[in-house]
Protein backbone atom coordinates (compact mmCIF):
# COMPACT_ATOMS: atom_id res chain seq x y z
CA MET A 1 -3.40 4.65 -12.70
CA ASN A 2 -0.90 6.99 -14.29
CA ALA A 3 -0.47 10.76 -14.10
CA ALA A 4 3.21 10.67 -14.94
CA GLY A 5 3.14 10.23 -18.70
CA GLY A 6 4.34 6.60 -18.62
CA ASN A 7 2.82 3.17 -19.13
CA ASP A 8 1.97 1.21 -16.01
CA SER A 9 0.74 -1.96 -17.81
CA SER A 10 -2.28 -1.83 -15.56
CA ARG A 11 -5.59 -3.49 -15.07
CA ILE A 12 -8.06 -1.30 -13.19
CA ASP A 13 -11.56 -2.37 -12.20
CA GLY A 14 -14.25 -0.20 -10.67
CA ASN A 15 -14.71 3.54 -10.60
CA ALA A 16 -13.73 6.46 -8.44
CA ALA A 17 -16.86 8.51 -7.93
CA GLN A 18 -16.46 12.30 -7.76
CA SER A 19 -12.81 12.10 -8.75
CA ASP A 20 -11.07 14.67 -10.91
CA PRO A 21 -11.33 13.47 -14.54
CA SER A 22 -8.11 13.15 -16.51
CA LYS A 23 -7.63 15.90 -19.07
CA THR A 24 -6.27 13.33 -21.50
CA GLY A 25 -8.38 10.33 -20.63
CA GLY A 26 -6.93 7.47 -18.62
CA ALA A 27 -8.03 5.59 -15.55
CA PRO A 28 -11.06 6.51 -13.48
CA GLY A 29 -10.18 8.86 -10.66
CA SER A 30 -6.94 10.11 -12.19
CA SER A 31 -5.88 13.56 -13.30
CA SER A 32 -2.85 14.14 -15.50
CA GLY A 33 -2.99 17.94 -15.16
CA ASN A 34 0.16 18.88 -13.20
CA GLY A 35 0.59 15.19 -12.38
CA ILE A 36 -2.18 15.22 -9.78
CA ILE A 37 -4.31 12.21 -8.83
CA ASN A 38 -7.46 12.83 -6.77
CA ILE A 39 -9.45 9.94 -5.31
CA ASN A 40 -12.63 11.24 -3.69
CA GLY A 41 -14.72 8.06 -3.49
CA GLY A 42 -15.73 4.89 -5.29
CA TYR A 43 -13.95 1.55 -5.51
CA LEU A 44 -10.71 0.79 -7.38
CA ASN A 45 -9.06 -2.62 -7.77
CA ILE A 46 -5.67 -2.18 -9.45
CA ASN A 47 -3.27 -4.88 -10.67
CA THR A 48 -0.09 -3.81 -12.46
CA ALA A 49 3.31 -5.06 -13.56
CA GLY A 50 4.75 -1.54 -13.38
CA ASP A 51 4.05 1.36 -11.04
CA SER A 52 0.44 1.08 -9.86
CA ILE A 53 -0.69 4.51 -8.66
CA ASP A 54 1.87 6.71 -10.38
CA SER A 55 2.07 10.50 -10.21
CA ASN A 56 4.95 12.83 -11.07
CA GLY A 57 3.20 15.30 -8.77
CA SER A 58 0.99 14.49 -5.80
CA ILE A 59 -1.82 12.13 -4.81
CA TYR A 60 -4.83 13.10 -2.71
CA MET A 61 -7.23 10.51 -1.31
CA LYS A 62 -10.28 11.68 0.64
CA ASN A 63 -12.66 8.72 0.47
CA GLY A 64 -13.40 5.41 -1.24
CA THR A 65 -11.66 2.04 -1.33
CA VAL A 66 -8.43 1.32 -3.23
CA ILE A 67 -6.92 -2.18 -3.46
CA VAL A 68 -3.55 -2.47 -5.21
CA ASN A 69 -1.67 -5.58 -6.29
CA GLY A 70 1.50 -3.95 -7.52
CA PRO A 71 4.75 -4.96 -9.21
CA THR A 72 6.97 -7.84 -8.18
CA ASN A 73 10.17 -6.23 -9.52
CA ASN A 74 12.06 -3.80 -7.31
CA GLY A 75 12.32 -1.11 -9.98
CA ASN A 76 8.64 -0.20 -9.60
CA GLY A 77 6.24 0.43 -6.75
CA ALA A 78 2.61 -0.03 -5.81
CA LEU A 79 2.57 3.66 -4.89
CA ASP A 80 4.83 6.05 -6.80
CA TYR A 81 4.77 9.81 -6.33
CA ASP A 82 7.28 12.66 -6.50
CA GLY A 83 5.37 15.27 -4.48
CA SER A 84 3.23 14.09 -1.60
CA PHE A 85 0.47 11.57 -0.94
CA GLU A 86 -2.03 13.14 1.42
CA MET A 87 -4.41 10.58 2.86
CA THR A 88 -7.37 12.16 4.63
CA GLY A 89 -9.98 9.42 4.38
CA GLY A 90 -11.02 6.15 2.78
CA PHE A 91 -9.40 2.72 2.85
CA LEU A 92 -6.17 1.81 1.06
CA VAL A 93 -4.22 -1.43 0.86
CA ALA A 94 -1.26 -1.66 -1.51
CA ALA A 95 0.95 -4.74 -1.86
CA GLY A 96 4.03 -5.06 -4.03
CA SER A 97 7.81 -5.14 -4.10
CA LEU A 98 9.88 -3.42 -1.42
CA GLY A 99 12.58 -1.84 -3.56
CA MET A 100 10.73 1.39 -4.38
CA ALA A 101 7.90 1.11 -1.86
CA GLN A 102 6.26 4.28 -0.56
CA ALA A 103 3.55 4.99 1.99
CA PRO A 104 1.32 8.06 2.28
CA SER A 105 3.04 11.23 3.46
CA LEU A 106 3.47 12.44 7.02
CA THR A 107 1.27 15.42 6.10
CA SER A 108 -1.71 13.04 5.96
CA THR A 109 -4.43 13.29 8.59
CA GLN A 110 -5.36 9.59 8.43
CA ASN A 111 -2.96 7.03 9.89
CA SER A 112 -1.13 4.44 7.78
CA VAL A 113 1.37 1.63 8.27
CA LYS A 114 4.05 0.28 5.94
CA VAL A 115 4.94 -3.38 6.54
CA ASN A 116 8.32 -4.59 5.22
CA LEU A 117 8.55 -8.35 4.71
CA SER A 118 10.74 -11.06 3.31
CA SER A 119 9.49 -12.29 -0.06
CA GLN A 120 6.00 -13.72 0.41
CA SER A 121 4.11 -15.95 -2.02
CA ALA A 122 0.84 -14.93 -3.63
CA ASN A 123 -2.23 -15.40 -1.41
CA THR A 124 -0.21 -15.38 1.83
CA LEU A 125 -2.47 -13.58 4.29
CA VAL A 126 -1.44 -10.29 5.87
CA HIS A 127 -3.48 -9.57 9.01
CA ILE A 128 -3.52 -6.50 11.25
CA GLU A 129 -5.51 -6.36 14.46
CA SER A 130 -5.81 -4.14 17.52
CA GLU A 131 -4.47 -5.11 20.94
CA THR A 132 -7.95 -6.31 21.83
CA GLY A 133 -8.17 -8.49 18.71
CA ASP A 134 -10.39 -6.27 16.57
CA ASN A 135 -9.74 -6.89 12.88
CA ILE A 136 -8.31 -3.98 10.88
CA ILE A 137 -7.58 -5.95 7.72
CA THR A 138 -7.06 -9.50 6.52
CA PHE A 139 -5.70 -9.39 2.98
CA ALA A 140 -4.37 -11.97 0.52
CA PRO A 141 -2.21 -10.25 -2.13
CA ALA A 142 -2.67 -11.76 -5.58
CA LYS A 143 1.06 -11.86 -6.35
CA GLN A 144 4.48 -12.28 -4.78
CA HIS A 145 5.09 -9.33 -2.47
CA ALA A 146 7.39 -7.92 0.21
CA SER A 147 5.65 -4.67 1.08
CA VAL A 148 2.10 -4.00 2.25
CA VAL A 149 0.84 -0.49 2.96
CA VAL A 150 -2.47 -0.02 4.77
CA SER A 151 -4.34 3.18 5.57
CA SER A 152 -7.60 2.92 7.46
CA PRO A 153 -9.84 5.19 9.55
CA LYS A 154 -9.75 2.37 12.12
CA PHE A 155 -6.13 3.23 13.00
CA LYS A 156 -6.26 5.43 16.10
CA THR A 157 -3.39 7.57 17.36
CA GLY A 158 -1.97 6.22 20.62
CA SER A 159 -3.28 2.69 20.02
CA THR A 160 -1.15 -0.42 19.44
CA TYR A 161 -1.64 -2.94 16.63
CA LYS A 162 -0.15 -6.33 15.74
CA VAL A 163 0.84 -7.59 12.28
CA TYR A 164 0.70 -11.26 11.25
CA ILE A 165 1.46 -13.15 8.03
CA GLY A 166 0.14 -16.54 7.03
CA GLY A 167 -2.59 -18.26 8.97
CA SER A 168 -6.11 -18.67 7.62
CA SER A 169 -9.51 -17.00 7.63
CA THR A 170 -13.05 -18.33 7.46
CA GLY A 171 -14.21 -14.99 6.04
CA THR A 172 -15.29 -14.13 2.51
CA PRO A 173 -12.65 -12.50 0.28
CA THR A 174 -13.47 -9.74 -2.19
CA ASN A 175 -10.44 -8.86 -4.33
CA GLY A 176 -8.32 -10.38 -1.58
CA VAL A 177 -9.83 -8.43 1.34
CA TYR A 178 -11.64 -10.68 3.82
CA SER A 179 -14.83 -9.68 5.57
CA ASN A 180 -16.35 -11.34 8.62
CA GLY A 181 -15.07 -14.78 9.59
CA ILE A 182 -12.43 -15.79 12.11
CA TYR A 183 -8.69 -15.35 11.56
CA THR A 184 -6.40 -18.14 12.78
CA LYS A 185 -3.04 -16.58 13.58
CA GLY A 186 0.06 -17.24 11.54
CA ILE A 187 3.46 -15.68 12.30
CA GLU A 188 3.58 -12.41 14.22
CA VAL A 189 5.77 -9.93 12.33
CA GLY A 190 5.69 -7.24 14.98
CA SER A 191 3.60 -4.55 16.59
CA PHE A 192 3.40 -0.78 16.38
CA LYS A 193 2.01 2.02 18.51
CA ILE A 194 0.73 4.94 16.47
CA SER A 195 2.54 8.15 17.40
CA SER A 196 2.85 9.52 13.86
CA THR A 197 0.58 9.44 10.84
CA VAL A 198 2.87 6.87 9.17
CA SER A 199 4.16 3.87 11.14
CA GLU A 200 6.51 1.15 9.92
CA VAL A 201 6.98 -2.51 10.85
CA THR A 202 9.89 -4.56 9.50
CA GLN A 203 10.01 -8.34 9.71
CA GLU A 204 13.04 -9.67 11.58
CA GLY A 205 15.89 -10.48 9.22
CA VAL A 206 14.76 -8.20 6.40
CA THR A 207 17.53 -5.90 5.19
CA ILE A 208 16.39 -2.57 3.82
CA LYS A 209 18.58 -1.23 1.04
CA ASN A 210 18.40 2.08 -0.78
CA MET A 211 17.20 1.45 -4.34
CA GLY A 212 17.45 4.97 -5.74
CA ARG A 213 15.49 8.20 -5.43
CA GLY A 214 14.96 9.15 -1.83
CA GLN A 215 16.21 7.76 1.44
CA GLY A 216 13.81 5.64 3.44
CA ALA A 217 12.57 7.17 6.66
CA PRO A 218 13.31 5.46 9.99
CA GLY A 219 10.88 3.08 11.61
CA GLY A 220 7.67 4.70 12.72
CA HIS A 221 7.78 7.30 9.96
CA GLY A 222 8.16 5.72 6.50
CA GLY A 223 6.40 7.24 3.55
CA GLN A 224 9.33 7.81 1.24
CA ARG A 225 10.62 6.04 -1.81
CA GLY A 226 13.89 4.18 -1.98
CA GLN A 227 13.54 1.39 0.55
CA GLY A 228 14.72 -2.17 0.57
CA ALA A 229 14.93 -5.10 -1.77
CA PRO A 230 14.74 -8.36 0.20
CA ASP A 231 16.24 -11.57 -1.05
CA GLY A 232 13.89 -13.54 -3.28
CA MET A 233 12.24 -10.61 -5.04
CA GLU A 234 12.85 -9.99 -8.72
CA PRO A 235 15.85 -7.76 -9.55
CA THR A 236 15.47 -4.14 -10.58
CA GLN A 237 14.36 -3.76 -14.19
CA LYS A 238 16.59 -1.54 -16.32
């Protein structure tokens, strides 16, 4: 989904109902006027080699479901914006490389988390649950990945959540997102208590390096481009 004038080499399934139409065509739910992308509903499943949701302006998501399997090279990101990404509703999960990874902006009203990992193989489960064991998401990214961003109305300010990788689920996957079933725990990456609209969890041993535009925000804030490239991910494309 591109509102930046580039080519994201994307595959996009589904539709974004009630979204701003692009003035020059393009993906459902995108608007290239002033580099703005509006997602107001519907269902989008995006798989790209380059930047996945890419705006040289801002992104606004109010409703709907967006699933992103983004790039494996550290020169591109699953989410790529120059202005802001205001998340006020809906469900978003975006997996990809860590080098240019971004999360929604702190100006959002819906909570998000950015999980920084060592290089993980395709189909390795990422699971987030509440302190009481309620499932927030169980997701199997379709490609190698080291960053997973999740925004969900289930994230409540003041509550604590745990992040796991690996393990297994008896649930039914749809585009990698599991519903129902029982999750058998893998490795606990860490936990986070929501005190800001964007939280961040970094797996032990992962070094976060600045890859270019923008300095990554400290843990618990996130949301900016220019964060790390863990060992094992593909090098930056020039």
